[in-house]
C-alpha atoms as a PDB file:
ATOM      1  CA  SER A   1       6.463   0.524   1.512  1.00  0.00           C
ATOM      2  CA  ALA A   2       3.885   2.443   3.469  1.00  0.00           C
ATOM      3  CA  SER A   3       3.280   4.052   6.816  1.00  0.00           C
ATOM      4  CA  LEU A   4       0.346   2.965   8.907  1.00  0.00           C
ATOM      5  CA  ASP A   5      -1.364   4.980  11.623  1.00  0.00           C
ATOM      6  CA  VAL A   6      -3.763   3.153  13.909  1.00  0.00           C
ATOM      7  CA  VAL A   7      -6.642   5.571  14.534  1.00  0.00           C
ATOM      8  CA  ASP A   8      -8.595   3.192  16.777  1.00  0.00           C
ATOM      9  CA  SER A   9      -9.234  -0.555  17.077  1.00  0.00           C
ATOM     10  CA  SER A  10     -11.151  -0.701  13.768  1.00  0.00           C
ATOM     11  CA  LYS A  11      -9.654   2.180  11.739  1.00  0.00           C
ATOM     12  CA  TRP A  12      -6.249   2.510  10.074  1.00  0.00           C
ATOM     13  CA  GLU A  13      -4.813   5.261   7.876  1.00  0.00           C
ATOM     14  CA  LEU A  14      -2.346   4.109   5.250  1.00  0.00           C
ATOM     15  CA  ARG A  15       0.109   6.320   3.322  1.00  0.00           C
ATOM     16  CA  VAL A  16       2.128   4.888   0.444  1.00  0.00           C
ATOM     17  CA  GLU A  17       5.779   5.984   0.611  1.00  0.00           C
ATOM     18  CA  ASN A  18       7.514   3.874  -2.059  1.00  0.00           C
ATOM     19  CA  THR A  19       6.464   1.434  -4.733  1.00  0.00           C
ATOM     20  CA  LYS A  20       8.409  -1.033  -6.885  1.00  0.00           C
ATOM     21  CA  VAL A  21       8.173  -1.415 -10.617  1.00  0.00           C
ATOM     22  CA  LYS A  22       8.014  -5.157 -11.285  1.00  0.00           C
ATOM     23  CA  GLY A  23       6.767  -5.435 -14.831  1.00  0.00           C
ATOM     24  CA  SER A  24       5.321  -3.613 -17.776  1.00  0.00           C
ATOM     25  CA  ASN A  25       2.738  -4.271 -20.438  1.00  0.00           C
ATOM     26  CA  LEU A  26       5.140  -2.737 -22.962  1.00  0.00           C
ATOM     27  CA  PRO A  27       7.154  -5.598 -24.550  1.00  0.00           C
ATOM     28  CA  LEU A  28      10.443  -3.710 -24.979  1.00  0.00           C
ATOM     29  CA  VAL A  29      10.331  -2.208 -21.496  1.00  0.00           C
ATOM     30  CA  ASN A  30       9.402  -5.540 -19.911  1.00  0.00           C
ATOM     31  CA  MET A  31      12.622  -7.143 -21.245  1.00  0.00           C
ATOM     32  CA  PHE A  32      14.660  -4.889 -18.926  1.00  0.00           C
ATOM     33  CA  MET A  33      12.400  -4.920 -15.868  1.00  0.00           C
ATOM     34  CA  ASP A  34      14.113  -7.900 -14.203  1.00  0.00           C
ATOM     35  CA  GLU A  35      17.405  -6.008 -14.238  1.00  0.00           C
ATOM     36  CA  LEU A  36      15.937  -2.614 -13.288  1.00  0.00           C
ATOM     37  CA  GLN A  37      14.350  -3.327  -9.921  1.00  0.00           C
ATOM     38  CA  PHE A  38      14.052   0.005  -8.130  1.00  0.00           C
ATOM     39  CA  ASP A  39      11.836   1.841  -5.675  1.00  0.00           C
ATOM     40  CA  LEU A  40       9.859   4.865  -6.783  1.00  0.00           C
ATOM     41  CA  PRO A  41       9.490   7.439  -3.975  1.00  0.00           C
ATOM     42  CA  VAL A  42       5.815   8.228  -4.658  1.00  0.00           C
ATOM     43  CA  GLY A  43       5.388   9.770  -1.204  1.00  0.00           C
ATOM     44  CA  ASN A  44       7.997  12.409  -2.063  1.00  0.00           C
ATOM     45  CA  PHE A  45       6.260  13.045  -5.392  1.00  0.00           C
ATOM     46  CA  TYR A  46       2.888  13.604  -3.698  1.00  0.00           C
ATOM     47  CA  ASN A  47       4.482  15.906  -1.121  1.00  0.00           C
ATOM     48  CA  THR A  48       6.072  17.974  -3.879  1.00  0.00           C
ATOM     49  CA  VAL A  49       3.016  18.154  -6.151  1.00  0.00           C
ATOM     50  CA  GLN A  50       0.110  18.197  -3.678  1.00  0.00           C
ATOM     51  CA  GLY A  51       1.819  19.171  -0.443  1.00  0.00           C
ATOM     52  CA  LYS A  52       0.799  15.917   1.271  1.00  0.00           C
ATOM     53  CA  VAL A  53       0.632  12.172   0.803  1.00  0.00           C
ATOM     54  CA  PRO A  54      -2.947  10.906   0.271  1.00  0.00           C
ATOM     55  CA  VAL A  55      -4.420   8.951   3.179  1.00  0.00           C
ATOM     56  CA  ILE A  56      -6.116   5.638   2.473  1.00  0.00           C
ATOM     57  CA  PRO A  57      -8.646   4.878   5.235  1.00  0.00           C
ATOM     58  CA  MET A  58      -8.956   1.192   6.099  1.00  0.00           C
ATOM     59  CA  THR A  59     -11.776  -0.280   8.216  1.00  0.00           C
ATOM     60  CA  THR A  60     -11.449  -3.596  10.063  1.00  0.00           C
ATOM     61  CA  PHE A  61     -14.497  -5.841   9.948  1.00  0.00           C
ATOM     62  CA  TYR A  62     -13.156  -8.897  11.714  1.00  0.00           C
ATOM     63  CA  VAL A  63     -10.175  -9.524  13.941  1.00  0.00           C
ATOM     64  CA  ASP A  64      -9.022 -12.306  16.238  1.00  0.00           C
ATOM     65  CA  GLU A  65      -5.647 -13.620  17.426  1.00  0.00           C
ATOM     66  CA  ALA A  66      -4.675 -14.932  13.985  1.00  0.00           C
ATOM     67  CA  LEU A  67      -6.706 -13.051  11.378  1.00  0.00           C
ATOM     68  CA  ARG A  68      -7.750  -9.507  10.418  1.00  0.00           C
ATOM     69  CA  ILE A  69     -10.139  -8.651   7.557  1.00  0.00           C
ATOM     70  CA  THR A  70      -9.978  -5.033   6.426  1.00  0.00           C
ATOM     71  CA  ARG A  71     -11.683  -3.038   3.654  1.00  0.00           C
ATOM     72  CA  ASP A  72     -10.572   0.167   1.915  1.00  0.00           C
ATOM     73  CA  VAL A  73     -12.715   2.994   0.487  1.00  0.00           C
ATOM     74  CA  ASP A  74     -12.985   1.208  -2.885  1.00  0.00           C
ATOM     75  CA  ASP A  75     -14.437  -1.918  -1.223  1.00  0.00           C
ATOM     76  CA  ASN A  76     -11.244  -3.928  -1.739  1.00  0.00           C
ATOM     77  CA  PHE A  77     -10.821  -6.503   1.014  1.00  0.00           C
ATOM     78  CA  PHE A  78      -7.465  -7.358   2.595  1.00  0.00           C
ATOM     79  CA  VAL A  79      -6.863 -10.406   4.760  1.00  0.00           C
ATOM     80  CA  PHE A  80      -3.910 -10.301   7.155  1.00  0.00           C
ATOM     81  CA  VAL A  81      -2.754 -13.501   8.830  1.00  0.00           C
ATOM     82  CA  ARG A  82      -0.468 -13.491  11.859  1.00  0.00           C
ATOM     83  CA  GLU A  83       2.389 -15.939  11.575  1.00  0.00           C
ATOM     84  CA  SER A  84       3.530 -17.676  14.713  1.00  0.00           C
END
């Protein structure tokens, strides 16, 4: 999960709070991953170690009533579709 702050109509700031472990590239660990679904509180970890959760700036390049195209600082694109 994450928190999202809308800075303005084209800028968002994203902070990751929790993440799920869904699989592993280690064969023995991967056997147990289906049974061990759990959230990792990475936001708490960052607060403890760094004193704050890193902010991921997101910039919107296109938006209409049904679609939003956003890019992060690493040039990864995200397409959000509004369901009716």
